[in-house]
C-alpha atoms as a PDB file:
ATOM      1  CA  MET A   1       0.306  30.125  -4.887  1.00  0.00           C
ATOM      2  CA  ARG A   2       2.547  27.146  -5.467  1.00  0.00           C
ATOM      3  CA  ALA A   3       3.532  27.130  -1.802  1.00  0.00           C
ATOM      4  CA  LEU A   4      -0.125  27.036  -0.819  1.00  0.00           C
ATOM      5  CA  GLY A   5      -0.633  24.235  -3.324  1.00  0.00           C
ATOM      6  CA  LEU A   6       2.077  22.186  -1.650  1.00  0.00           C
ATOM      7  CA  VAL A   7       0.484  22.823   1.736  1.00  0.00           C
ATOM      8  CA  ALA A   8      -2.806  21.551   0.316  1.00  0.00           C
ATOM      9  CA  VAL A   9      -1.031  18.427  -0.943  1.00  0.00           C
ATOM     10  CA  TYR A  10       0.338  17.805   2.548  1.00  0.00           C
ATOM     11  CA  LEU A  11      -3.139  18.268   4.050  1.00  0.00           C
ATOM     12  CA  ILE A  12      -4.590  15.726   1.622  1.00  0.00           C
ATOM     13  CA  GLY A  13      -2.006  13.202   2.756  1.00  0.00           C
ATOM     14  CA  ALA A  14      -2.702  14.072   6.394  1.00  0.00           C
ATOM     15  CA  ILE A  15      -6.368  13.015   6.260  1.00  0.00           C
ATOM     16  CA  PRO A  16      -6.615  10.279   8.972  1.00  0.00           C
ATOM     17  CA  VAL A  17      -8.667   7.778   6.996  1.00  0.00           C
ATOM     18  CA  GLY A  18      -8.205   4.898   9.450  1.00  0.00           C
ATOM     19  CA  LEU A  19      -9.237   7.040  12.408  1.00  0.00           C
ATOM     20  CA  LEU A  20     -12.378   8.223  10.641  1.00  0.00           C
ATOM     21  CA  VAL A  21     -13.353   4.736   9.469  1.00  0.00           C
ATOM     22  CA  ALA A  22     -12.841   3.231  12.919  1.00  0.00           C
ATOM     23  CA  ARG A  23     -14.810   6.046  14.512  1.00  0.00           C
ATOM     24  CA  VAL A  24     -17.767   5.453  12.197  1.00  0.00           C
ATOM     25  CA  ALA A  25     -17.643   1.644  12.078  1.00  0.00           C
ATOM     26  CA  GLY A  26     -16.528   0.872  15.615  1.00  0.00           C
ATOM     27  CA  GLY A  27     -17.413   4.004  17.565  1.00  0.00           C
ATOM     28  CA  PHE A  28     -13.990   4.358  19.203  1.00  0.00           C
ATOM     29  CA  ASP A  29     -10.606   6.001  18.747  1.00  0.00           C
ATOM     30  CA  ILE A  30      -8.372   3.419  17.106  1.00  0.00           C
ATOM     31  CA  ARG A  31      -5.277   5.021  18.582  1.00  0.00           C
ATOM     32  CA  GLY A  32      -6.251   3.409  21.877  1.00  0.00           C
ATOM     33  CA  LYS A  33      -6.716  -0.070  20.401  1.00  0.00           C
ATOM     34  CA  GLY A  34      -4.281  -2.719  19.196  1.00  0.00           C
ATOM     35  CA  SER A  35      -0.950  -1.232  18.181  1.00  0.00           C
ATOM     36  CA  GLY A  36      -2.344   2.305  18.283  1.00  0.00           C
ATOM     37  CA  ASN A  37      -1.633   2.799  14.575  1.00  0.00           C
ATOM     38  CA  ILE A  38      -4.279   4.277  12.266  1.00  0.00           C
ATOM     39  CA  GLY A  39      -3.351   2.068   9.309  1.00  0.00           C
ATOM     40  CA  ALA A  40      -5.367  -0.681   7.649  1.00  0.00           C
ATOM     41  CA  THR A  41      -3.593  -3.493   9.530  1.00  0.00           C
ATOM     42  CA  ASN A  42      -4.655  -2.206  12.925  1.00  0.00           C
ATOM     43  CA  VAL A  43      -8.144  -1.447  11.624  1.00  0.00           C
ATOM     44  CA  LEU A  44      -8.400  -5.057  10.473  1.00  0.00           C
ATOM     45  CA  ARG A  45      -7.589  -6.584  13.827  1.00  0.00           C
ATOM     46  CA  THR A  46      -9.611  -4.119  15.895  1.00  0.00           C
ATOM     47  CA  VAL A  47     -12.647  -3.314  13.726  1.00  0.00           C
ATOM     48  CA  GLY A  48     -12.884  -5.907  10.950  1.00  0.00           C
ATOM     49  CA  PRO A  49     -12.095  -6.698   7.314  1.00  0.00           C
ATOM     50  CA  VAL A  50     -14.591  -4.351   5.635  1.00  0.00           C
ATOM     51  CA  PRO A  51     -13.413  -1.227   7.509  1.00  0.00           C
ATOM     52  CA  ALA A  52      -9.820  -2.314   6.851  1.00  0.00           C
ATOM     53  CA  VAL A  53     -10.459  -2.497   3.105  1.00  0.00           C
ATOM     54  CA  LEU A  54     -12.094   0.935   3.218  1.00  0.00           C
ATOM     55  CA  THR A  55      -9.079   2.306   5.076  1.00  0.00           C
ATOM     56  CA  LEU A  56      -6.687   0.769   2.581  1.00  0.00           C
ATOM     57  CA  LEU A  57      -8.598   2.150  -0.408  1.00  0.00           C
ATOM     58  CA  GLY A  58      -8.920   5.564   1.245  1.00  0.00           C
ATOM     59  CA  ASP A  59      -5.185   5.810   1.911  1.00  0.00           C
ATOM     60  CA  ILE A  60      -4.392   4.739  -1.645  1.00  0.00           C
ATOM     61  CA  ALA A  61      -6.873   7.244  -3.053  1.00  0.00           C
ATOM     62  CA  LYS A  62      -5.545  10.189  -1.051  1.00  0.00           C
ATOM     63  CA  GLY A  63      -1.986   9.416  -2.177  1.00  0.00           C
ATOM     64  CA  TYR A  64      -3.074   9.283  -5.800  1.00  0.00           C
ATOM     65  CA  LEU A  65      -5.084  12.523  -5.538  1.00  0.00           C
ATOM     66  CA  ALA A  66      -2.248  14.311  -3.754  1.00  0.00           C
ATOM     67  CA  VAL A  67       0.133  13.630  -6.642  1.00  0.00           C
ATOM     68  CA  ARG A  68      -2.429  14.699  -9.223  1.00  0.00           C
ATOM     69  CA  ALA A  69      -2.992  17.918  -7.284  1.00  0.00           C
ATOM     70  CA  ALA A  70       0.757  18.591  -7.159  1.00  0.00           C
ATOM     71  CA  GLU A  71       1.101  18.060 -10.905  1.00  0.00           C
ATOM     72  CA  VAL A  72      -1.341  20.920 -11.470  1.00  0.00           C
ATOM     73  CA  LEU A  73       1.277  23.293 -10.044  1.00  0.00           C
ATOM     74  CA  GLY A  74       3.572  22.780 -13.026  1.00  0.00           C
ATOM     75  CA  PRO A  75       4.548  20.435 -15.843  1.00  0.00           C
ATOM     76  CA  ASP A  76       7.972  19.721 -14.408  1.00  0.00           C
ATOM     77  CA  PRO A  77       8.292  16.184 -12.912  1.00  0.00           C
ATOM     78  CA  GLY A  78       9.695  17.729  -9.782  1.00  0.00           C
ATOM     79  CA  TRP A  79       6.259  18.983  -8.728  1.00  0.00           C
ATOM     80  CA  GLY A  80       4.749  15.535  -8.830  1.00  0.00           C
ATOM     81  CA  ALA A  81       7.763  14.141  -6.971  1.00  0.00           C
ATOM     82  CA  ALA A  82       7.445  16.829  -4.297  1.00  0.00           C
ATOM     83  CA  GLY A  83       3.749  16.058  -3.968  1.00  0.00           C
ATOM     84  CA  ALA A  84       4.537  12.362  -3.520  1.00  0.00           C
ATOM     85  CA  VAL A  85       6.889  12.987  -0.623  1.00  0.00           C
ATOM     86  CA  LEU A  86       4.569  15.526   1.001  1.00  0.00           C
ATOM     87  CA  ALA A  87       1.616  13.131   0.820  1.00  0.00           C
ATOM     88  CA  ILE A  88       3.596  10.416   2.587  1.00  0.00           C
ATOM     89  CA  VAL A  89       4.904  12.909   5.145  1.00  0.00           C
ATOM     90  CA  GLY A  90       1.328  14.045   5.759  1.00  0.00           C
ATOM     91  CA  ASN A  91       0.196  10.456   6.332  1.00  0.00           C
ATOM     92  CA  CYS A  92       3.051   9.718   8.734  1.00  0.00           C
ATOM     93  CA  TRP A  93       2.974  13.055  10.599  1.00  0.00           C
ATOM     94  CA  PRO A  94      -0.540  14.516  10.207  1.00  0.00           C
ATOM     95  CA  VAL A  95      -1.167  17.929  11.722  1.00  0.00           C
ATOM     96  CA  PHE A  96      -4.702  16.806  12.621  1.00  0.00           C
ATOM     97  CA  LEU A  97      -3.397  14.126  15.013  1.00  0.00           C
ATOM     98  CA  ARG A  98      -0.533  16.078  16.566  1.00  0.00           C
ATOM     99  CA  PHE A  99       1.884  14.595  14.048  1.00  0.00           C
ATOM    100  CA  ARG A 100       1.285  10.979  15.091  1.00  0.00           C
ATOM    101  CA  GLY A 101      -0.015   9.087  12.072  1.00  0.00           C
ATOM    102  CA  GLY A 102       0.430   5.924  10.076  1.00  0.00           C
ATOM    103  CA  LYS A 103       3.423   4.325   8.418  1.00  0.00           C
ATOM    104  CA  GLY A 104       2.798   5.475   4.869  1.00  0.00           C
ATOM    105  CA  VAL A 105       2.697   2.183   2.983  1.00  0.00           C
ATOM    106  CA  ALA A 106      -0.814   2.405   1.525  1.00  0.00           C
ATOM    107  CA  THR A 107      -0.396   6.103   0.770  1.00  0.00           C
ATOM    108  CA  ALA A 108       2.884   5.332  -1.004  1.00  0.00           C
ATOM    109  CA  LEU A 109       1.059   2.768  -3.116  1.00  0.00           C
ATOM    110  CA  GLY A 110      -1.378   5.419  -4.309  1.00  0.00           C
ATOM    111  CA  VAL A 111       1.406   7.948  -4.807  1.00  0.00           C
ATOM    112  CA  PHE A 112       3.481   5.735  -7.057  1.00  0.00           C
ATOM    113  CA  LEU A 113       0.488   4.360  -8.916  1.00  0.00           C
ATOM    114  CA  ALA A 114       0.184   7.954 -10.104  1.00  0.00           C
ATOM    115  CA  LEU A 115       3.895   8.630 -10.621  1.00  0.00           C
ATOM    116  CA  MET A 116       5.460   5.355 -11.777  1.00  0.00           C
ATOM    117  CA  PRO A 117       2.827   2.605 -12.176  1.00  0.00           C
ATOM    118  CA  LYS A 118       5.142   0.174 -13.959  1.00  0.00           C
ATOM    119  CA  ALA A 119       7.577   0.250 -11.048  1.00  0.00           C
ATOM    120  CA  VAL A 120       4.780  -0.675  -8.652  1.00  0.00           C
ATOM    121  CA  VAL A 121       4.349  -4.084 -10.308  1.00  0.00           C
ATOM    122  CA  PRO A 122       7.638  -5.723  -9.133  1.00  0.00           C
ATOM    123  CA  ALA A 123       7.274  -4.073  -5.725  1.00  0.00           C
ATOM    124  CA  ALA A 124       3.757  -5.472  -5.343  1.00  0.00           C
ATOM    125  CA  VAL A 125       4.876  -8.954  -6.435  1.00  0.00           C
ATOM    126  CA  LEU A 126       7.678  -8.921  -3.872  1.00  0.00           C
ATOM    127  CA  PHE A 127       5.317  -7.692  -1.170  1.00  0.00           C
ATOM    128  CA  VAL A 128       2.796 -10.474  -1.808  1.00  0.00           C
ATOM    129  CA  ALA A 129       5.512 -13.145  -1.945  1.00  0.00           C
ATOM    130  CA  LEU A 130       7.151 -12.125   1.334  1.00  0.00           C
ATOM    131  CA  ALA A 131       3.838 -11.632   3.112  1.00  0.00           C
ATOM    132  CA  ALA A 132       2.696 -15.096   2.031  1.00  0.00           C
ATOM    133  CA  LEU A 133       6.024 -16.724   2.901  1.00  0.00           C
ATOM    134  CA  PHE A 134       6.788 -15.133   6.276  1.00  0.00           C
ATOM    135  CA  ARG A 135       3.330 -13.783   7.216  1.00  0.00           C
ATOM    136  CA  TYR A 136       5.088 -10.602   8.283  1.00  0.00           C
ATOM    137  CA  VAL A 137       3.541  -7.463   6.786  1.00  0.00           C
ATOM    138  CA  SER A 138       6.220  -5.035   7.923  1.00  0.00           C
ATOM    139  CA  LEU A 139       9.013  -7.047   6.306  1.00  0.00           C
ATOM    140  CA  ALA A 140       7.062  -7.224   3.034  1.00  0.00           C
ATOM    141  CA  SER A 141       6.294  -3.491   3.164  1.00  0.00           C
ATOM    142  CA  MET A 142       9.925  -2.473   3.671  1.00  0.00           C
ATOM    143  CA  ALA A 143      11.135  -4.776   0.917  1.00  0.00           C
ATOM    144  CA  GLY A 144       8.466  -3.457  -1.442  1.00  0.00           C
ATOM    145  CA  VAL A 145       9.328   0.218  -0.949  1.00  0.00           C
ATOM    146  CA  LEU A 146      13.029  -0.532  -1.378  1.00  0.00           C
ATOM    147  CA  THR A 147      12.209  -2.092  -4.745  1.00  0.00           C
ATOM    148  CA  LEU A 148      10.490   1.066  -6.034  1.00  0.00           C
ATOM    149  CA  PRO A 149      13.517   3.335  -6.619  1.00  0.00           C
ATOM    150  CA  LEU A 150      15.492   0.510  -8.207  1.00  0.00           C
ATOM    151  CA  ALA A 151      12.608  -0.393 -10.506  1.00  0.00           C
ATOM    152  CA  GLY A 152      12.102   3.282 -11.384  1.00  0.00           C
ATOM    153  CA  LEU A 153      15.765   3.628 -12.290  1.00  0.00           C
ATOM    154  CA  LEU A 154      15.759   0.523 -14.458  1.00  0.00           C
ATOM    155  CA  LEU A 155      12.515   1.484 -16.197  1.00  0.00           C
ATOM    156  CA  GLY A 156      13.804   4.927 -17.120  1.00  0.00           C
ATOM    157  CA  TYR A 157      11.576   7.163 -15.003  1.00  0.00           C
ATOM    158  CA  PRO A 158      12.756  10.761 -14.412  1.00  0.00           C
ATOM    159  CA  ARG A 159      15.426  11.305 -11.816  1.00  0.00           C
ATOM    160  CA  GLU A 160      13.101  13.427  -9.693  1.00  0.00           C
ATOM    161  CA  THR A 161      10.594  10.614  -9.517  1.00  0.00           C
ATOM    162  CA  THR A 162      13.237   8.038  -8.659  1.00  0.00           C
ATOM    163  CA  ALA A 163      14.650  10.337  -5.985  1.00  0.00           C
ATOM    164  CA  ALA A 164      11.157  10.743  -4.526  1.00  0.00           C
ATOM    165  CA  ALA A 165      10.814   6.956  -4.413  1.00  0.00           C
ATOM    166  CA  ALA A 166      14.140   6.635  -2.597  1.00  0.00           C
ATOM    167  CA  LEU A 167      13.233   9.346  -0.077  1.00  0.00           C
ATOM    168  CA  SER A 168       9.822   7.763   0.472  1.00  0.00           C
ATOM    169  CA  ALA A 169      11.482   4.393   1.132  1.00  0.00           C
ATOM    170  CA  ILE A 170      13.703   6.011   3.766  1.00  0.00           C
ATOM    171  CA  ILE A 171      10.679   7.600   5.457  1.00  0.00           C
ATOM    172  CA  ILE A 172       8.684   4.367   5.487  1.00  0.00           C
ATOM    173  CA  ILE A 173      11.579   2.302   6.804  1.00  0.00           C
ATOM    174  CA  TRP A 174      12.124   4.913   9.503  1.00  0.00           C
ATOM    175  CA  ARG A 175       8.483   4.620  10.463  1.00  0.00           C
ATOM    176  CA  HIS A 176       8.970   0.849  10.725  1.00  0.00           C
ATOM    177  CA  ARG A 177      12.100   1.149  12.867  1.00  0.00           C
ATOM    178  CA  GLU A 178      10.342  -0.388  15.874  1.00  0.00           C
ATOM    179  CA  ASN A 179       9.720  -3.491  13.775  1.00  0.00           C
ATOM    180  CA  LEU A 180      13.447  -3.906  13.236  1.00  0.00           C
ATOM    181  CA  LYS A 181      14.120  -4.283  16.961  1.00  0.00           C
ATOM    182  CA  TRP A 182      14.500  -7.852  18.203  1.00  0.00           C
ATOM    183  CA  SER A 183      12.183  -8.883  20.991  1.00  0.00           C
ATOM    184  CA  GLY A 184      11.342 -12.140  22.697  1.00  0.00           C
ATOM    185  CA  PRO A 185       8.792 -14.500  21.211  1.00  0.00           C
ATOM    186  CA  GLU A 186       6.395 -13.903  24.059  1.00  0.00           C
ATOM    187  CA  SER A 187       6.203 -10.159  23.484  1.00  0.00           C
ATOM    188  CA  GLY A 188       3.712 -10.094  20.631  1.00  0.00           C
ATOM    189  CA  ALA A 189       0.499 -11.570  19.341  1.00  0.00           C
ATOM    190  CA  ARG A 190      -0.671 -12.541  15.910  1.00  0.00           C
ATOM    191  CA  SER A 191      -2.561 -10.004  13.815  1.00  0.00           C
ATOM    192  CA  TRP A 192      -3.094  -9.791  10.078  1.00  0.00           C
ATOM    193  CA  PRO A 193      -1.086 -11.801   9.262  1.00  0.00           C
ATOM    194  CA  LEU A 194       1.166 -10.988  12.199  1.00  0.00           C
ATOM    195  CA  SER A 195       1.658  -7.923  14.278  1.00  0.00           C
ATOM    196  CA  SER A 196       4.895  -6.000  14.171  1.00  0.00           C
ATOM    197  CA  ARG A 197       6.165  -7.630  17.346  1.00  0.00           C
ATOM    198  CA  GLY A 198       6.849 -11.338  17.861  1.00  0.00           C
ATOM    199  CA  SER A 199       6.531 -12.484  14.286  1.00  0.00           C
ATOM    200  CA  ALA A 200       7.184 -15.975  13.032  1.00  0.00           C
ATOM    201  CA  PHE A 201       9.980 -14.601  10.875  1.00  0.00           C
ATOM    202  CA  ARG A 202      11.863 -13.190  13.858  1.00  0.00           C
ATOM    203  CA  ARG A 203      11.200 -16.280  15.966  1.00  0.00           C
ATOM    204  CA  ALA A 204      12.637 -18.501  13.250  1.00  0.00           C
ATOM    205  CA  SER A 205      15.595 -16.184  12.711  1.00  0.00           C
ATOM    206  CA  GLY A 206      16.276 -15.925  16.423  1.00  0.00           C
ATOM    207  CA  ARG A 207      16.407 -19.694  16.825  1.00  0.00           C
ATOM    208  CA  ALA A 208      18.643 -20.027  13.781  1.00  0.00           C
ATOM    209  CA  THR A 209      21.145 -17.570  15.264  1.00  0.00           C
ATOM    210  CA  GLY A 210      20.918 -19.077  18.738  1.00  0.00           C
ATOM    211  CA  ARG A 211      19.412 -15.956  20.298  1.00  0.00           C
ATOM    212  CA  TRP A 212      16.280 -17.719  21.445  1.00  0.00           C
ATOM    213  CA  PRO A 213      15.974 -21.376  22.451  1.00  0.00           C
ATOM    214  CA  ALA A 214      13.392 -23.442  20.677  1.00  0.00           C
ATOM    215  CA  ARG A 215      10.202 -23.876  22.612  1.00  0.00           C
ATOM    216  CA  SER A 216       9.856 -27.286  24.187  1.00  0.00           C
ATOM    217  CA  ARG A 217       6.714 -29.166  23.278  1.00  0.00           C
ATOM    218  CA  ARG A 218       4.746 -31.277  25.752  1.00  0.00           C
ATOM    219  CA  PRO A 219       4.231 -34.876  24.701  1.00  0.00           C
ATOM    220  CA  ALA A 220       0.808 -35.573  23.278  1.00  0.00           C
ATOM    221  CA  ARG A 221      -1.593 -37.292  25.664  1.00  0.00           C
ATOM    222  CA  THR A 222      -3.739 -40.145  24.433  1.00  0.00           C
ATOM    223  CA  PRO A 223      -7.448 -39.224  24.495  1.00  0.00           C
ATOM    224  CA  GLY A 224      -9.308 -40.840  27.366  1.00  0.00           C
ATOM    225  CA  THR A 225      -6.272 -41.216  29.636  1.00  0.00           C
ATOM    226  CA  SER A 226      -5.790 -39.285  32.841  1.00  0.00           C
ATOM    227  CA  ARG A 227      -2.953 -36.866  33.409  1.00  0.00           C
ATOM    228  CA  ALA A 228       0.265 -38.547  34.514  1.00  0.00           C
ATOM    229  CA  LEU A 229       0.872 -38.566  38.283  1.00  0.00           C
ATOM    230  CA  PRO A 230       4.260 -38.702  40.053  1.00  0.00           C
ATOM    231  CA  CYS A 231       5.632 -42.218  40.161  1.00  0.00           C
ATOM    232  CA  ARG A 232       5.715 -43.777  43.649  1.00  0.00           C
ATOM    233  CA  THR A 233       8.441 -46.312  44.268  1.00  0.00           C
ATOM    234  CA  ARG A 234       8.626 -46.550  48.086  1.00  0.00           C
ATOM    235  CA  CYS A 235       6.236 -47.020  50.990  1.00  0.00           C
ATOM    236  CA  SER A 236       6.343 -44.902  54.135  1.00  0.00           C
ATOM    237  CA  PRO A 237       7.379 -46.610  57.441  1.00  0.00           C
ATOM    238  CA  ARG A 238       3.752 -46.796  58.571  1.00  0.00           C
ATOM    239  CA  GLU A 239       2.612 -48.543  55.377  1.00  0.00           C
ATOM    240  CA  THR A 240       2.881 -52.179  54.403  1.00  0.00           C
ATOM    241  CA  PRO A 241       4.693 -52.768  51.103  1.00  0.00           C
ATOM    242  CA  PRO A 242       3.021 -55.094  48.598  1.00  0.00           C
ATOM    243  CA  LYS A 243       4.096 -58.714  48.381  1.00  0.00           C
ATOM    244  CA  ARG A 244       4.897 -58.479  44.704  1.00  0.00           C
ATOM    245  CA  SER A 245       5.576 -55.677  42.277  1.00  0.00           C
ATOM    246  CA  PRO A 246       2.727 -54.992  39.872  1.00  0.00           C
ATOM    247  CA  ALA A 247       3.243 -54.813  36.157  1.00  0.00           C
ATOM    248  CA  PRO A 248       4.066 -51.425  34.690  1.00  0.00           C
ATOM    249  CA  ILE A 249       1.215 -49.263  33.469  1.00  0.00           C
ATOM    250  CA  SER A 250       2.614 -49.129  29.957  1.00  0.00           C
ATOM    251  CA  SER A 251       5.724 -50.072  28.085  1.00  0.00           C
ATOM    252  CA  SER A 252       6.775 -46.424  28.047  1.00  0.00           C
ATOM    253  CA  SER A 253       6.387 -45.977  31.824  1.00  0.00           C
ATOM    254  CA  PRO A 254       9.739 -44.906  33.339  1.00  0.00           C
ATOM    255  CA  CYS A 255       9.202 -46.814  36.594  1.00  0.00           C
ATOM    256  CA  LEU A 256       7.043 -49.400  38.382  1.00  0.00           C
ATOM    257  CA  PRO A 257       4.456 -47.626  40.561  1.00  0.00           C
ATOM    258  CA  ILE A 258       3.406 -49.458  43.705  1.00  0.00           C
ATOM    259  CA  SER A 259       0.396 -49.318  45.976  1.00  0.00           C
ATOM    260  CA  CYS A 260       0.907 -49.432  49.702  1.00  0.00           C
ATOM    261  CA  ALA A 261      -1.510 -50.598  52.453  1.00  0.00           C
ATOM    262  CA  ALA A 262      -2.025 -48.442  55.493  1.00  0.00           C
END
């Protein structure tokens, strides 16, 4: 019976909330849009903010319910810890989607709101700070989940719960492994706040380490002026040069353009 209970916990975590919300709200399979992920971030940039909020709340709720269902199997903290890991595994590798799911961040939030709510507070603060500073959701997510086991250890939560937090952090970071790969600044586009590829954080870091050159900026053009043309300093043999050199167009002009008569 307990084995079947753990299977049920996994199936709760495997519910593809983002896929269902996008199917209802947008009428398409979200796996073929944006990054192809079924999480709230991809739902936001492909469907809209309201479906993204529903996806986020749904993932949090299923993580919370999965832990509560696992705790019914026994009073030992190990059952809740096992349910936490299985819920995140179900979200990341759902049997309903051929084991290609999300990245587990929102589900982990619901899981640890049930298991260790006090430890979620510093993790959430760190997540918000990094997301606001770097506008890079994946960086904030990885830092937040790494904070959970440390906060659980310092706050005196059971060892099983802390171990579940550490294992969950490993799973989530593994799911974000593509975000850890360096790529050129042209390879990605902004999402909410940025997509996993081509973030401002990696662009700034790459320039600081000399891996990418800084982008050159074109000089601003004064409104109402025409685009600069190549400067002409000589007349062809068939043209008559002017008797005197005209004044330069502006003080910043690099040369004295001339006009030749045919």
